[in-house]
Amino acid sequence: MFLCYLVNYLSILFKSIELSKRLHFEMLLSVFNAPINLYFDVTPTGRVLNRFSKDMDQVDNYVFFTFVSC
């Protein structure tokens, strides 16, 4: 019984890490592909960094624990 819980927990953990990496890569790619004169001139660097960190915090903390609690 314990082994089943452990395997389930580890599989959710690794999928959560994979999801986090994929989300970060896609967010970074979309920011890099944004037009420079329309996005970076208007949006401060701190706002972009805060948005990245907020979204990654949501994925790292809440998504993982939501799946573990099921």
PDB file of N, CA and C in Angstrom:
ATOM      1  N   MET A   1       0.816  -1.189   0.000  1.00  0.00           N
ATOM      2  CA  MET A   1       0.000   0.000   0.000  1.00  0.00           C
ATOM      3  C   MET A   1       0.861   1.255   0.000  1.00  0.00           C
ATOM      4  N   PHE A   2       1.867   1.259   0.858  1.00  0.00           N
ATOM      5  CA  PHE A   2       2.768   2.402   0.932  1.00  0.00           C
ATOM      6  C   PHE A   2       3.497   2.603  -0.388  1.00  0.00           C
ATOM      7  N   LEU A   3       3.861   1.528  -1.034  1.00  0.00           N
ATOM      8  CA  LEU A   3       4.577   1.609  -2.307  1.00  0.00           C
ATOM      9  C   LEU A   3       3.708   2.275  -3.378  1.00  0.00           C
ATOM     10  N   CYS A   4       2.429   1.981  -3.378  1.00  0.00           N
ATOM     11  CA  CYS A   4       1.513   2.615  -4.346  1.00  0.00           C
ATOM     12  C   CYS A   4       1.448   4.122  -4.123  1.00  0.00           C
ATOM     13  N   TYR A   5       1.357   4.546  -2.858  1.00  0.00           N
ATOM     14  CA  TYR A   5       1.328   5.973  -2.553  1.00  0.00           C
ATOM     15  C   TYR A   5       2.637   6.651  -2.945  1.00  0.00           C
ATOM     16  N   LEU A   6       3.722   5.979  -2.701  1.00  0.00           N
ATOM     17  CA  LEU A   6       5.026   6.538  -3.037  1.00  0.00           C
ATOM     18  C   LEU A   6       5.182   6.706  -4.551  1.00  0.00           C
ATOM     19  N   VAL A   7       4.796   5.694  -5.299  1.00  0.00           N
ATOM     20  CA  VAL A   7       4.886   5.776  -6.757  1.00  0.00           C
ATOM     21  C   VAL A   7       3.972   6.880  -7.290  1.00  0.00           C
ATOM     22  N   ASN A   8       2.778   6.972  -6.738  1.00  0.00           N
ATOM     23  CA  ASN A   8       1.842   8.020  -7.147  1.00  0.00           C
ATOM     24  C   ASN A   8       2.405   9.403  -6.836  1.00  0.00           C
ATOM     25  N   TYR A   9       2.933   9.573  -5.649  1.00  0.00           N
ATOM     26  CA  TYR A   9       3.510  10.858  -5.229  1.00  0.00           C
ATOM     27  C   TYR A   9       4.682  11.245  -6.120  1.00  0.00           C
ATOM     28  N   LEU A  10       5.566  10.308  -6.391  1.00  0.00           N
ATOM     29  CA  LEU A  10       6.731  10.608  -7.222  1.00  0.00           C
ATOM     30  C   LEU A  10       6.342  10.904  -8.667  1.00  0.00           C
ATOM     31  N   SER A  11       5.359  10.191  -9.181  1.00  0.00           N
ATOM     32  CA  SER A  11       4.934  10.478 -10.556  1.00  0.00           C
ATOM     33  C   SER A  11       4.309  11.869 -10.658  1.00  0.00           C
ATOM     34  N   ILE A  12       3.526  12.254  -9.669  1.00  0.00           N
ATOM     35  CA  ILE A  12       2.957  13.604  -9.667  1.00  0.00           C
ATOM     36  C   ILE A  12       4.058  14.644  -9.508  1.00  0.00           C
ATOM     37  N   LEU A  13       5.030  14.370  -8.684  1.00  0.00           N
ATOM     38  CA  LEU A  13       6.146  15.288  -8.487  1.00  0.00           C
ATOM     39  C   LEU A  13       6.911  15.512  -9.788  1.00  0.00           C
ATOM     40  N   PHE A  14       7.249  14.442 -10.494  1.00  0.00           N
ATOM     41  CA  PHE A  14       8.009  14.592 -11.733  1.00  0.00           C
ATOM     42  C   PHE A  14       7.192  15.245 -12.836  1.00  0.00           C
ATOM     43  N   LYS A  15       5.902  14.956 -12.894  1.00  0.00           N
ATOM     44  CA  LYS A  15       5.039  15.622 -13.873  1.00  0.00           C
ATOM     45  C   LYS A  15       4.900  17.106 -13.554  1.00  0.00           C
ATOM     46  N   SER A  16       4.860  17.436 -12.287  1.00  0.00           N
ATOM     47  CA  SER A  16       4.779  18.839 -11.883  1.00  0.00           C
ATOM     48  C   SER A  16       6.048  19.593 -12.272  1.00  0.00           C
ATOM     49  N   ILE A  17       7.180  18.968 -12.098  1.00  0.00           N
ATOM     50  CA  ILE A  17       8.446  19.584 -12.499  1.00  0.00           C
ATOM     51  C   ILE A  17       8.502  19.757 -14.011  1.00  0.00           C
ATOM     52  N   GLU A  18       8.044  18.754 -14.741  1.00  0.00           N
ATOM     53  CA  GLU A  18       8.015  18.839 -16.199  1.00  0.00           C
ATOM     54  C   GLU A  18       7.071  19.957 -16.655  1.00  0.00           C
ATOM     55  N   LEU A  19       5.922  20.064 -16.032  1.00  0.00           N
ATOM     56  CA  LEU A  19       4.973  21.119 -16.352  1.00  0.00           C
ATOM     57  C   LEU A  19       5.567  22.491 -16.069  1.00  0.00           C
ATOM     58  N   SER A  20       6.264  22.612 -14.965  1.00  0.00           N
ATOM     59  CA  SER A  20       6.890  23.875 -14.602  1.00  0.00           C
ATOM     60  C   SER A  20       7.953  24.280 -15.621  1.00  0.00           C
ATOM     61  N   LYS A  21       8.764  23.345 -16.037  1.00  0.00           N
ATOM     62  CA  LYS A  21       9.792  23.640 -17.043  1.00  0.00           C
ATOM     63  C   LYS A  21       9.169  24.042 -18.370  1.00  0.00           C
ATOM     64  N   ARG A  22       8.122  23.320 -18.777  1.00  0.00           N
ATOM     65  CA  ARG A  22       7.474  23.618 -20.050  1.00  0.00           C
ATOM     66  C   ARG A  22       6.807  24.991 -20.020  1.00  0.00           C
ATOM     67  N   LEU A  23       6.133  25.298 -18.917  1.00  0.00           N
ATOM     68  CA  LEU A  23       5.478  26.591 -18.795  1.00  0.00           C
ATOM     69  C   LEU A  23       6.498  27.720 -18.828  1.00  0.00           C
ATOM     70  N   HIS A  24       7.592  27.564 -18.115  1.00  0.00           N
ATOM     71  CA  HIS A  24       8.622  28.592 -18.093  1.00  0.00           C
ATOM     72  C   HIS A  24       9.218  28.792 -19.484  1.00  0.00           C
ATOM     73  N   PHE A  25       9.479  27.714 -20.182  1.00  0.00           N
ATOM     74  CA  PHE A  25      10.044  27.816 -21.527  1.00  0.00           C
ATOM     75  C   PHE A  25       9.082  28.524 -22.476  1.00  0.00           C
ATOM     76  N   GLU A  26       7.802  28.159 -22.425  1.00  0.00           N
ATOM     77  CA  GLU A  26       6.822  28.781 -23.318  1.00  0.00           C
ATOM     78  C   GLU A  26       6.594  30.246 -22.976  1.00  0.00           C
ATOM     79  N   MET A  27       6.607  30.584 -21.698  1.00  0.00           N
ATOM     80  CA  MET A  27       6.476  31.993 -21.310  1.00  0.00           C
ATOM     81  C   MET A  27       7.673  32.792 -21.787  1.00  0.00           C
ATOM     82  N   LEU A  28       8.853  32.251 -21.616  1.00  0.00           N
ATOM     83  CA  LEU A  28      10.066  32.936 -22.043  1.00  0.00           C
ATOM     84  C   LEU A  28      10.099  33.101 -23.556  1.00  0.00           C
ATOM     85  N   LEU A  29       9.695  32.079 -24.274  1.00  0.00           N
ATOM     86  CA  LEU A  29       9.651  32.137 -25.731  1.00  0.00           C
ATOM     87  C   LEU A  29       8.663  33.194 -26.211  1.00  0.00           C
ATOM     88  N   SER A  30       7.513  33.275 -25.581  1.00  0.00           N
ATOM     89  CA  SER A  30       6.526  34.271 -26.013  1.00  0.00           C
ATOM     90  C   SER A  30       6.991  35.696 -25.712  1.00  0.00           C
ATOM     91  N   VAL A  31       7.710  35.889 -24.616  1.00  0.00           N
ATOM     92  CA  VAL A  31       8.240  37.221 -24.320  1.00  0.00           C
ATOM     93  C   VAL A  31       9.346  37.581 -25.301  1.00  0.00           C
ATOM     94  N   PHE A  32      10.189  36.621 -25.641  1.00  0.00           N
ATOM     95  CA  PHE A  32      11.255  36.901 -26.597  1.00  0.00           C
ATOM     96  C   PHE A  32      10.722  37.173 -28.000  1.00  0.00           C
ATOM     97  N   ASN A  33       9.583  36.576 -28.340  1.00  0.00           N
ATOM     98  CA  ASN A  33       9.005  36.781 -29.661  1.00  0.00           C
ATOM     99  C   ASN A  33       8.091  37.998 -29.733  1.00  0.00           C
ATOM    100  N   ALA A  34       7.898  38.695 -28.631  1.00  0.00           N
ATOM    101  CA  ALA A  34       7.056  39.893 -28.629  1.00  0.00           C
ATOM    102  C   ALA A  34       7.778  41.015 -29.373  1.00  0.00           C
ATOM    103  N   PRO A  35       7.016  41.839 -30.072  1.00  0.00           N
ATOM    104  CA  PRO A  35       7.641  42.970 -30.769  1.00  0.00           C
ATOM    105  C   PRO A  35       8.287  43.929 -29.766  1.00  0.00           C
ATOM    106  N   ILE A  36       9.505  44.287 -30.037  1.00  0.00           N
ATOM    107  CA  ILE A  36      10.277  45.092 -29.089  1.00  0.00           C
ATOM    108  C   ILE A  36       9.662  46.470 -28.905  1.00  0.00           C
ATOM    109  N   ASN A  37       9.272  47.103 -29.986  1.00  0.00           N
ATOM    110  CA  ASN A  37       8.774  48.474 -29.852  1.00  0.00           C
ATOM    111  C   ASN A  37       7.370  48.535 -29.251  1.00  0.00           C
ATOM    112  N   LEU A  38       6.619  47.449 -29.256  1.00  0.00           N
ATOM    113  CA  LEU A  38       5.271  47.465 -28.704  1.00  0.00           C
ATOM    114  C   LEU A  38       5.203  46.919 -27.285  1.00  0.00           C
ATOM    115  N   TYR A  39       6.110  46.040 -26.922  1.00  0.00           N
ATOM    116  CA  TYR A  39       6.011  45.390 -25.612  1.00  0.00           C
ATOM    117  C   TYR A  39       7.043  45.914 -24.620  1.00  0.00           C
ATOM    118  N   PHE A  40       8.291  45.899 -24.986  1.00  0.00           N
ATOM    119  CA  PHE A  40       9.343  46.236 -24.033  1.00  0.00           C
ATOM    120  C   PHE A  40       9.440  47.729 -23.761  1.00  0.00           C
ATOM    121  N   ASP A  41       8.984  48.555 -24.689  1.00  0.00           N
ATOM    122  CA  ASP A  41       8.987  49.993 -24.436  1.00  0.00           C
ATOM    123  C   ASP A  41       7.878  50.394 -23.466  1.00  0.00           C
ATOM    124  N   VAL A  42       6.805  49.623 -23.437  1.00  0.00           N
ATOM    125  CA  VAL A  42       5.645  49.961 -22.613  1.00  0.00           C
ATOM    126  C   VAL A  42       5.688  49.244 -21.265  1.00  0.00           C
ATOM    127  N   THR A  43       6.136  48.004 -21.238  1.00  0.00           N
ATOM    128  CA  THR A  43       6.102  47.183 -20.032  1.00  0.00           C
ATOM    129  C   THR A  43       7.439  47.235 -19.301  1.00  0.00           C
ATOM    130  N   PRO A  44       7.442  47.657 -18.034  1.00  0.00           N
ATOM    131  CA  PRO A  44       8.696  47.671 -17.268  1.00  0.00           C
ATOM    132  C   PRO A  44       9.218  46.256 -17.017  1.00  0.00           C
ATOM    133  N   THR A  45      10.513  46.139 -16.885  1.00  0.00           N
ATOM    134  CA  THR A  45      11.145  44.845 -16.672  1.00  0.00           C
ATOM    135  C   THR A  45      10.678  44.201 -15.371  1.00  0.00           C
ATOM    136  N   GLY A  46      10.472  44.991 -14.347  1.00  0.00           N
ATOM    137  CA  GLY A  46      10.016  44.460 -13.066  1.00  0.00           C
ATOM    138  C   GLY A  46       8.644  43.818 -13.158  1.00  0.00           C
ATOM    139  N   ARG A  47       7.768  44.379 -13.990  1.00  0.00           N
ATOM    140  CA  ARG A  47       6.436  43.807 -14.147  1.00  0.00           C
ATOM    141  C   ARG A  47       6.504  42.455 -14.833  1.00  0.00           C
ATOM    142  N   VAL A  48       7.372  42.331 -15.821  1.00  0.00           N
ATOM    143  CA  VAL A  48       7.543  41.052 -16.511  1.00  0.00           C
ATOM    144  C   VAL A  48       8.108  40.014 -15.547  1.00  0.00           C
ATOM    145  N   LEU A  49       9.095  40.396 -14.770  1.00  0.00           N
ATOM    146  CA  LEU A  49       9.706  39.486 -13.799  1.00  0.00           C
ATOM    147  C   LEU A  49       8.711  39.070 -12.718  1.00  0.00           C
ATOM    148  N   ASN A  50       7.911  40.008 -12.238  1.00  0.00           N
ATOM    149  CA  ASN A  50       6.898  39.669 -11.232  1.00  0.00           C
ATOM    150  C   ASN A  50       5.854  38.720 -11.790  1.00  0.00           C
ATOM    151  N   ARG A  51       5.472  38.913 -13.039  1.00  0.00           N
ATOM    152  CA  ARG A  51       4.486  38.025 -13.651  1.00  0.00           C
ATOM    153  C   ARG A  51       5.050  36.616 -13.798  1.00  0.00           C
ATOM    154  N   PHE A  52       6.312  36.517 -14.225  1.00  0.00           N
ATOM    155  CA  PHE A  52       6.953  35.210 -14.328  1.00  0.00           C
ATOM    156  C   PHE A  52       6.971  34.515 -12.975  1.00  0.00           C
ATOM    157  N   SER A  53       7.402  35.230 -11.954  1.00  0.00           N
ATOM    158  CA  SER A  53       7.540  34.595 -10.641  1.00  0.00           C
ATOM    159  C   SER A  53       6.184  34.225 -10.058  1.00  0.00           C
ATOM    160  N   LYS A  54       5.158  35.034 -10.296  1.00  0.00           N
ATOM    161  CA  LYS A  54       3.826  34.712  -9.786  1.00  0.00           C
ATOM    162  C   LYS A  54       3.267  33.467 -10.464  1.00  0.00           C
ATOM    163  N   ASP A  55       3.386  33.389 -11.777  1.00  0.00           N
ATOM    164  CA  ASP A  55       2.871  32.224 -12.496  1.00  0.00           C
ATOM    165  C   ASP A  55       3.629  30.960 -12.122  1.00  0.00           C
ATOM    166  N   MET A  56       4.928  31.052 -11.985  1.00  0.00           N
ATOM    167  CA  MET A  56       5.709  29.878 -11.619  1.00  0.00           C
ATOM    168  C   MET A  56       5.406  29.446 -10.185  1.00  0.00           C
ATOM    169  N   ASP A  57       5.135  30.389  -9.301  1.00  0.00           N
ATOM    170  CA  ASP A  57       4.752  30.049  -7.929  1.00  0.00           C
ATOM    171  C   ASP A  57       3.428  29.298  -7.920  1.00  0.00           C
ATOM    172  N   GLN A  58       2.486  29.721  -8.738  1.00  0.00           N
ATOM    173  CA  GLN A  58       1.196  29.036  -8.823  1.00  0.00           C
ATOM    174  C   GLN A  58       1.384  27.592  -9.270  1.00  0.00           C
ATOM    175  N   VAL A  59       2.187  27.398 -10.282  1.00  0.00           N
ATOM    176  CA  VAL A  59       2.402  26.042 -10.798  1.00  0.00           C
ATOM    177  C   VAL A  59       3.162  25.197  -9.792  1.00  0.00           C
ATOM    178  N   ASP A  60       4.203  25.742  -9.229  1.00  0.00           N
ATOM    179  CA  ASP A  60       5.048  24.965  -8.318  1.00  0.00           C
ATOM    180  C   ASP A  60       4.324  24.585  -7.033  1.00  0.00           C
ATOM    181  N   ASN A  61       3.532  25.467  -6.506  1.00  0.00           N
ATOM    182  CA  ASN A  61       2.911  25.202  -5.197  1.00  0.00           C
ATOM    183  C   ASN A  61       1.506  24.644  -5.295  1.00  0.00           C
ATOM    184  N   TYR A  62       0.629  25.334  -5.987  1.00  0.00           N
ATOM    185  CA  TYR A  62      -0.783  24.972  -5.913  1.00  0.00           C
ATOM    186  C   TYR A  62      -1.153  23.793  -6.798  1.00  0.00           C
ATOM    187  N   VAL A  63      -0.604  23.713  -7.981  1.00  0.00           N
ATOM    188  CA  VAL A  63      -0.952  22.610  -8.867  1.00  0.00           C
ATOM    189  C   VAL A  63      -0.461  21.288  -8.288  1.00  0.00           C
ATOM    190  N   PHE A  64       0.747  21.261  -7.795  1.00  0.00           N
ATOM    191  CA  PHE A  64       1.296  20.037  -7.214  1.00  0.00           C
ATOM    192  C   PHE A  64       0.466  19.562  -6.036  1.00  0.00           C
ATOM    193  N   PHE A  65       0.170  20.456  -5.110  1.00  0.00           N
ATOM    194  CA  PHE A  65      -0.573  20.054  -3.919  1.00  0.00           C
ATOM    195  C   PHE A  65      -2.029  19.721  -4.226  1.00  0.00           C
ATOM    196  N   THR A  66      -2.570  20.292  -5.279  1.00  0.00           N
ATOM    197  CA  THR A  66      -3.930  19.936  -5.686  1.00  0.00           C
ATOM    198  C   THR A  66      -3.977  18.498  -6.156  1.00  0.00           C
ATOM    199  N   PHE A  67      -3.005  18.098  -6.958  1.00  0.00           N
ATOM    200  CA  PHE A  67      -2.991  16.722  -7.433  1.00  0.00           C
ATOM    201  C   PHE A  67      -2.646  15.727  -6.329  1.00  0.00           C
ATOM    202  N   VAL A  68      -1.808  16.102  -5.401  1.00  0.00           N
ATOM    203  CA  VAL A  68      -1.434  15.198  -4.320  1.00  0.00           C
ATOM    204  C   VAL A  68      -2.620  14.974  -3.378  1.00  0.00           C
ATOM    205  N   SER A  69      -3.429  15.982  -3.165  1.00  0.00           N
ATOM    206  CA  SER A  69      -4.531  15.851  -2.231  1.00  0.00           C
ATOM    207  C   SER A  69      -5.699  15.026  -2.779  1.00  0.00           C
ATOM    208  N   CYS A  70      -5.708  14.763  -4.075  1.00  0.00           N
ATOM    209  CA  CYS A  70      -6.805  13.962  -4.665  1.00  0.00           C
ATOM    210  C   CYS A  70      -6.714  12.505  -4.320  1.00  0.00           C
TER     211      CYS A  70
END
